[in-house]
């Protein structure tokens, strides 16, 4: 265990299920914690009933959890956790930049790739807030399990002593962070797994069997490893919690929004029907073309991700996706 002192006050920015769960984890680790939410009803419900009825219904929140809708108030903390979706992270980071002091530890807890730019979430935040000490938290972690205090392990990556101090700040008997300095590897693993989880869901929805899903999962990891090597990620990171661990969880469980999205897609529902306002967010829909774009910039082939991007855009019919993958040139593994 690290001997570095934890951060005393943690601010969790984003009042969704994941932000609420991380706020509970921080309190369970003994930290003074404040949760910022944009939605007025979320702030009111947590303050009055100690429940996030909109995003995490049925979970009783600690009475010591402070909540606010005032961002300037929330950021008066020793370390910040950003939990908003990847596609709005850049806009939020620009809003946050003038409010925080230089070198403030800022842990990104979102997973994805910015769809228009192809930037990883750490690159998005570092561009908007270069003065922050950027970190990233990722791993196999469903929000409801974390909120219920079920055993969870994640990776926190940062430079210097920030990762170990965040590790000390969030560690408890039910939430175990592992420290790393591989920010790129942790960011990439958390983003790519959503795309491959949709693909595995499609296999399930089509009724193609366990053999096909296992093969797809293995080849998906091979794609992730190829791109990771090109981007400078460490192989041990991709083999760990934030890479293979998160991929296995997200691509095999019906509790996964991305896997469930893929199942319904495989059963014949359209992307427009599934990716509508009010429907649970499947981050892999926006991430798929961005992942392919990033890989192409490094001359890396991602056949599965490319097929998913084309399927999700409507340029590849569902019935032809498998044919494209199975008819590729034979090669060695």
Protein backbone atom coordinates (compact mmCIF):
# COMPACT_ATOMS: atom_id res chain seq x y z
CA UNK A 1 0.00 0.00 0.00
CA UNK A 2 1.12 3.55 -0.68
CA UNK A 3 2.47 5.60 2.21
CA UNK A 4 1.50 8.87 0.55
CA UNK A 5 -1.22 10.87 2.27
CA UNK A 6 -4.69 10.84 0.71
CA UNK A 7 -6.48 13.93 -0.52
CA UNK A 8 -8.78 15.11 2.26
CA UNK A 9 -11.68 16.53 0.22
CA UNK A 10 -12.94 14.93 -2.99
CA UNK A 11 -15.34 16.56 -5.45
CA UNK A 12 -17.19 14.29 -7.86
CA UNK A 13 -18.39 16.25 -10.89
CA UNK A 14 -21.37 14.65 -12.59
CA UNK A 15 -24.51 13.39 -10.86
CA UNK A 16 -25.22 10.32 -12.98
CA UNK A 17 -25.11 6.74 -11.73
CA UNK A 18 -21.32 6.49 -12.05
CA UNK A 19 -20.65 9.81 -10.35
CA UNK A 20 -22.99 8.94 -7.50
CA UNK A 21 -21.36 5.53 -7.08
CA UNK A 22 -17.87 7.06 -6.96
CA UNK A 23 -19.05 9.58 -4.38
CA UNK A 24 -20.20 6.67 -2.21
CA UNK A 25 -16.83 4.97 -2.72
CA UNK A 26 -14.99 8.13 -1.66
CA UNK A 27 -17.07 8.41 1.52
CA UNK A 28 -16.52 4.72 2.28
CA UNK A 29 -12.80 5.42 1.98
CA UNK A 30 -13.12 8.12 4.65
CA UNK A 31 -13.01 11.19 2.45
CA UNK A 32 -15.00 14.39 2.88
CA UNK A 33 -16.98 14.29 -0.38
CA UNK A 34 -19.17 16.66 -2.39
CA UNK A 35 -21.14 15.69 -5.50
CA UNK A 36 -21.94 18.25 -8.20
CA UNK A 37 -24.94 17.62 -10.45
CA UNK A 38 -26.25 19.72 -13.31
CA UNK A 39 -29.84 18.50 -12.85
CA UNK A 40 -31.83 20.42 -10.24
CA UNK A 41 -34.02 17.43 -9.40
CA UNK A 42 -30.96 15.28 -8.69
CA UNK A 43 -29.54 17.89 -6.31
CA UNK A 44 -32.89 18.26 -4.55
CA UNK A 45 -33.52 14.51 -4.22
CA UNK A 46 -30.07 13.78 -2.81
CA UNK A 47 -30.30 16.69 -0.35
CA UNK A 48 -33.81 15.86 0.80
CA UNK A 49 -34.17 12.07 0.50
CA UNK A 50 -30.55 10.81 0.21
CA UNK A 51 -31.37 9.06 -3.06
CA UNK A 52 -30.53 9.77 -6.68
CA UNK A 53 -33.97 8.83 -7.96
CA UNK A 54 -33.25 9.70 -11.57
CA UNK A 55 -29.98 7.85 -12.13
CA UNK A 56 -29.49 5.39 -9.25
CA UNK A 57 -32.90 4.63 -7.77
CA UNK A 58 -33.17 2.34 -4.77
CA UNK A 59 -29.70 3.06 -3.40
CA UNK A 60 -29.62 4.88 -0.06
CA UNK A 61 -26.84 7.47 -0.07
CA UNK A 62 -24.71 8.34 2.95
CA UNK A 63 -26.10 11.28 4.91
CA UNK A 64 -22.59 12.75 4.97
CA UNK A 65 -22.58 13.18 1.18
CA UNK A 66 -22.77 16.88 0.33
CA UNK A 67 -24.44 17.86 -2.94
CA UNK A 68 -24.53 21.10 -4.91
CA UNK A 69 -25.53 22.52 -8.27
CA UNK A 70 -22.90 25.26 -7.97
CA UNK A 71 -19.78 24.20 -9.86
CA UNK A 72 -17.62 26.95 -8.35
CA UNK A 73 -18.52 25.67 -4.89
CA UNK A 74 -17.86 22.04 -5.79
CA UNK A 75 -14.36 22.56 -7.15
CA UNK A 76 -13.07 23.91 -3.85
CA UNK A 77 -11.61 20.48 -3.15
CA UNK A 78 -8.22 18.75 -3.06
CA UNK A 79 -8.97 16.44 -6.02
CA UNK A 80 -11.70 16.29 -8.65
CA UNK A 81 -13.31 13.26 -10.33
CA UNK A 82 -14.91 13.94 -13.73
CA UNK A 83 -17.69 11.49 -14.57
CA UNK A 84 -19.63 13.06 -17.46
CA UNK A 85 -19.85 11.18 -20.82
CA UNK A 86 -16.87 11.39 -23.16
CA UNK A 87 -18.74 13.27 -25.89
CA UNK A 88 -19.47 16.27 -23.64
CA UNK A 89 -16.19 16.14 -21.73
CA UNK A 90 -14.41 18.73 -23.88
CA UNK A 91 -17.13 21.33 -23.49
CA UNK A 92 -17.27 20.73 -19.74
CA UNK A 93 -13.48 20.93 -19.39
CA UNK A 94 -13.47 24.35 -21.04
CA UNK A 95 -16.12 25.47 -18.54
CA UNK A 96 -14.07 24.04 -15.68
CA UNK A 97 -10.67 25.45 -16.69
CA UNK A 98 -10.97 28.97 -15.21
CA UNK A 99 -12.37 27.63 -11.93
CA UNK A 100 -9.49 25.44 -10.78
CA UNK A 101 -6.04 26.18 -9.45
CA UNK A 102 -2.87 25.04 -11.27
CA UNK A 103 -1.80 21.45 -10.59
CA UNK A 104 -5.21 20.44 -9.23
CA UNK A 105 -5.49 16.62 -9.43
CA UNK A 106 -8.21 15.88 -11.97
CA UNK A 107 -9.19 12.24 -12.48
CA UNK A 108 -11.17 11.48 -15.64
CA UNK A 109 -13.69 8.71 -14.98
CA UNK A 110 -15.29 8.72 -18.46
CA UNK A 111 -14.70 6.12 -21.17
CA UNK A 112 -14.66 6.92 -24.86
CA UNK A 113 -13.02 8.75 -27.75
CA UNK A 114 -14.16 12.17 -28.94
CA UNK A 115 -16.03 11.40 -32.15
CA UNK A 116 -15.05 14.42 -34.24
CA UNK A 117 -11.38 14.62 -33.28
CA UNK A 118 -10.44 11.03 -32.43
CA UNK A 119 -8.86 12.24 -29.18
CA UNK A 120 -8.72 10.05 -26.09
CA UNK A 121 -10.40 11.51 -23.01
CA UNK A 122 -7.08 12.42 -21.41
CA UNK A 123 -6.07 14.35 -24.53
CA UNK A 124 -9.39 16.22 -24.50
CA UNK A 125 -8.97 17.35 -20.91
CA UNK A 126 -5.27 18.13 -21.17
CA UNK A 127 -5.93 20.38 -24.16
CA UNK A 128 -8.58 22.35 -22.26
CA UNK A 129 -6.91 22.38 -18.83
CA UNK A 130 -3.14 22.05 -19.35
CA UNK A 131 -2.48 23.37 -15.85
CA UNK A 132 -4.22 20.40 -14.17
CA UNK A 133 -2.54 17.21 -12.94
CA UNK A 134 -4.53 14.90 -15.20
CA UNK A 135 -5.28 11.32 -14.14
CA UNK A 136 -7.65 8.64 -15.40
CA UNK A 137 -9.69 6.04 -13.52
CA UNK A 138 -11.02 3.03 -15.40
CA UNK A 139 -11.67 -0.68 -15.02
CA UNK A 140 -14.41 -3.32 -14.78
CA UNK A 141 -16.91 -1.39 -12.68
CA UNK A 142 -20.68 -1.25 -12.97
CA UNK A 143 -22.00 1.75 -11.05
CA UNK A 144 -24.68 -0.12 -9.13
CA UNK A 145 -22.20 -2.73 -7.85
CA UNK A 146 -19.85 0.02 -6.65
CA UNK A 147 -22.74 1.87 -5.01
CA UNK A 148 -23.83 -1.30 -3.20
CA UNK A 149 -20.32 -1.82 -1.82
CA UNK A 150 -19.63 -4.98 -3.82
CA UNK A 151 -15.93 -5.79 -4.38
CA UNK A 152 -14.48 -3.77 -7.26
CA UNK A 153 -10.95 -3.19 -8.56
CA UNK A 154 -9.93 -0.42 -10.97
CA UNK A 155 -6.81 1.26 -12.31
CA UNK A 156 -5.83 4.88 -11.66
CA UNK A 157 -3.15 6.27 -13.97
CA UNK A 158 -1.29 9.55 -13.56
CA UNK A 159 2.21 10.97 -13.52
CA UNK A 160 4.25 11.69 -10.40
CA UNK A 161 2.66 10.84 -7.08
CA UNK A 162 -0.90 11.74 -8.14
CA UNK A 163 -1.93 8.15 -8.96
CA UNK A 164 -0.77 6.85 -5.57
CA UNK A 165 -2.44 9.69 -3.67
CA UNK A 166 -5.72 9.07 -5.51
CA UNK A 167 -5.28 5.38 -4.80
CA UNK A 168 -4.94 6.14 -1.09
CA UNK A 169 -7.91 8.51 -1.24
CA UNK A 170 -10.38 6.00 -2.72
CA UNK A 171 -9.20 2.68 -1.32
CA UNK A 172 -11.49 0.70 0.99
CA UNK A 173 -12.32 -2.93 1.71
CA UNK A 174 -14.78 -2.93 -1.20
CA UNK A 175 -13.03 -0.61 -3.68
CA UNK A 176 -9.42 -1.38 -4.61
CA UNK A 177 -7.57 0.94 -7.02
CA UNK A 178 -4.25 -0.07 -8.60
CA UNK A 179 -1.84 2.74 -9.46
CA UNK A 180 -0.23 3.13 -12.90
CA UNK A 181 1.62 5.73 -14.95
CA UNK A 182 0.18 4.50 -18.28
CA UNK A 183 -2.47 7.14 -18.94
CA UNK A 184 -2.76 6.28 -22.64
CA UNK A 185 -3.23 2.56 -22.02
CA UNK A 186 -5.92 3.07 -19.40
CA UNK A 187 -7.76 5.61 -21.58
CA UNK A 188 -7.62 3.41 -24.68
CA UNK A 189 -8.79 0.26 -22.89
CA UNK A 190 -11.78 2.03 -21.40
CA UNK A 191 -12.79 3.46 -24.78
CA UNK A 192 -12.30 0.52 -27.12
CA UNK A 193 -14.08 -2.06 -24.98
CA UNK A 194 -17.43 -0.35 -25.57
CA UNK A 195 -17.15 -0.90 -29.33
CA UNK A 196 -16.26 -4.56 -28.93
CA UNK A 197 -19.00 -5.04 -26.34
CA UNK A 198 -21.57 -3.95 -28.93
CA UNK A 199 -20.05 -6.43 -31.39
CA UNK A 200 -20.31 -9.27 -28.86
CA UNK A 201 -23.89 -8.26 -28.18
CA UNK A 202 -24.68 -8.46 -31.90
CA UNK A 203 -23.34 -12.02 -31.94
CA UNK A 204 -25.62 -12.84 -29.01
CA UNK A 205 -28.61 -11.18 -30.64
CA UNK A 206 -28.06 -13.08 -33.88
CA UNK A 207 -27.92 -16.37 -31.96
CA UNK A 208 -24.50 -17.29 -33.35
CA UNK A 209 -23.46 -19.24 -30.25
CA UNK A 210 -20.80 -19.20 -27.55
CA UNK A 211 -17.97 -20.27 -29.89
CA UNK A 212 -18.50 -17.21 -32.08
CA UNK A 213 -18.67 -14.85 -29.12
CA UNK A 214 -15.48 -16.25 -27.57
CA UNK A 215 -13.65 -15.95 -30.89
CA UNK A 216 -14.87 -12.39 -31.37
CA UNK A 217 -13.83 -11.42 -27.85
CA UNK A 218 -10.32 -12.84 -28.37
CA UNK A 219 -9.86 -11.14 -31.73
CA UNK A 220 -11.23 -7.89 -30.30
CA UNK A 221 -8.49 -7.93 -27.68
CA UNK A 222 -5.92 -8.56 -30.42
CA UNK A 223 -7.12 -5.39 -32.16
CA UNK A 224 -6.92 -3.42 -28.92
CA UNK A 225 -3.37 -4.68 -28.34
CA UNK A 226 -2.26 -3.67 -31.86
CA UNK A 227 -3.56 -0.15 -31.53
CA UNK A 228 -2.25 0.14 -27.99
CA UNK A 229 1.26 -0.74 -29.14
CA UNK A 230 1.07 1.93 -31.86
CA UNK A 231 -0.04 4.57 -29.34
CA UNK A 232 2.67 3.68 -26.83
CA UNK A 233 0.49 1.90 -24.27
CA UNK A 234 2.06 -0.75 -22.08
CA UNK A 235 1.09 -4.36 -22.82
CA UNK A 236 0.67 -5.09 -19.10
CA UNK A 237 -1.88 -2.27 -18.86
CA UNK A 238 -3.95 -3.72 -21.69
CA UNK A 239 -3.74 -7.17 -20.10
CA UNK A 240 -4.91 -5.73 -16.79
CA UNK A 241 -8.07 -4.34 -15.23
CA UNK A 242 -8.57 -1.35 -17.52
CA UNK A 243 -7.99 -3.40 -20.68
CA UNK A 244 -8.85 -7.09 -20.75
CA UNK A 245 -10.69 -6.96 -17.43
CA UNK A 246 -13.06 -4.21 -18.53
CA UNK A 247 -13.50 -5.80 -21.96
CA UNK A 248 -14.56 -9.16 -20.49
CA UNK A 249 -17.07 -7.55 -18.12
CA UNK A 250 -18.60 -5.19 -20.68
CA UNK A 251 -18.73 -7.70 -23.52
CA UNK A 252 -20.35 -10.55 -21.61
CA UNK A 253 -22.90 -9.05 -19.21
CA UNK A 254 -26.46 -7.96 -19.94
CA UNK A 255 -25.94 -5.31 -17.26
CA UNK A 256 -23.65 -3.62 -19.80
CA UNK A 257 -25.43 -0.92 -21.79
CA UNK A 258 -23.17 -1.52 -24.78
CA UNK A 259 -23.60 -5.29 -24.79
CA UNK A 260 -27.38 -4.95 -24.38
CA UNK A 261 -27.44 -2.39 -27.21
CA UNK A 262 -25.65 -4.92 -29.44
CA UNK A 263 -28.06 -7.70 -28.49
CA UNK A 264 -31.05 -5.60 -29.54
CA UNK A 265 -29.23 -4.56 -32.72
CA UNK A 266 -28.62 -8.22 -33.53
CA UNK A 267 -32.28 -8.97 -32.91
CA UNK A 268 -33.23 -6.56 -35.66
CA UNK A 269 -33.82 -3.18 -34.02
CA UNK A 270 -32.39 -0.13 -35.78
CA UNK A 271 -29.66 2.15 -34.46
CA UNK A 272 -32.05 5.10 -34.63
CA UNK A 273 -34.58 3.23 -32.53
CA UNK A 274 -32.01 2.23 -29.92
CA UNK A 275 -29.88 5.38 -29.70
CA UNK A 276 -32.70 7.78 -28.86
CA UNK A 277 -33.05 10.40 -26.10
CA UNK A 278 -33.98 8.80 -22.80
CA UNK A 279 -32.56 5.41 -23.81
CA UNK A 280 -29.54 4.21 -21.78
CA UNK A 281 -26.39 5.61 -23.37
CA UNK A 282 -24.27 3.20 -25.42
CA UNK A 283 -20.99 5.10 -25.62
CA UNK A 284 -19.62 2.64 -28.17
CA UNK A 285 -21.93 4.06 -30.87
CA UNK A 286 -20.00 7.33 -30.98
CA UNK A 287 -16.67 5.68 -30.15
CA UNK A 288 -16.65 3.17 -33.04
CA UNK A 289 -15.95 5.61 -35.91
CA UNK A 290 -13.57 7.61 -33.71
CA UNK A 291 -11.63 4.45 -32.82
CA UNK A 292 -11.33 3.52 -36.49
CA UNK A 293 -10.23 7.06 -37.38
CA UNK A 294 -7.52 6.98 -34.72
CA UNK A 295 -6.29 3.56 -35.90
CA UNK A 296 -6.19 4.63 -39.55
CA UNK A 297 -3.99 7.58 -38.60
CA UNK A 298 -1.45 5.00 -37.40
CA UNK A 299 -2.02 2.55 -40.29
CA UNK A 300 -3.51 -0.05 -37.93
CA UNK A 301 -6.22 -2.41 -39.18
CA UNK A 302 -9.18 -3.01 -36.87
CA UNK A 303 -11.52 -5.27 -38.87
CA UNK A 304 -14.05 -5.79 -36.08
CA UNK A 305 -14.18 -2.13 -35.11
CA UNK A 306 -14.42 -1.13 -38.78
CA UNK A 307 -17.33 -3.53 -39.32
CA UNK A 308 -19.09 -2.14 -36.24
CA UNK A 309 -18.57 1.46 -37.37
CA UNK A 310 -20.07 0.64 -40.78
CA UNK A 311 -22.92 -1.34 -39.22
CA UNK A 312 -23.77 1.48 -36.82
CA UNK A 313 -23.64 4.09 -39.60
CA UNK A 314 -26.00 2.04 -41.76
CA UNK A 315 -23.51 1.44 -44.59
CA UNK A 316 -23.13 -2.27 -43.76
CA UNK A 317 -26.29 -4.40 -43.49
CA UNK A 318 -26.50 -6.61 -40.42
CA UNK A 319 -26.49 -9.82 -42.47
CA UNK A 320 -23.27 -8.90 -44.27
CA UNK A 321 -21.15 -7.99 -41.22
CA UNK A 322 -20.33 -11.59 -40.34
CA UNK A 323 -19.63 -12.46 -43.98
CA UNK A 324 -17.12 -9.62 -44.20
CA UNK A 325 -15.24 -10.80 -41.12
CA UNK A 326 -15.31 -14.52 -41.92
CA UNK A 327 -14.17 -14.05 -45.53
CA UNK A 328 -11.03 -12.10 -44.69
CA UNK A 329 -7.70 -13.45 -45.94
CA UNK A 330 -6.50 -16.43 -43.91
CA UNK A 331 -3.53 -15.63 -41.69
CA UNK A 332 -1.52 -16.85 -38.72
CA UNK A 333 -2.40 -15.81 -35.19
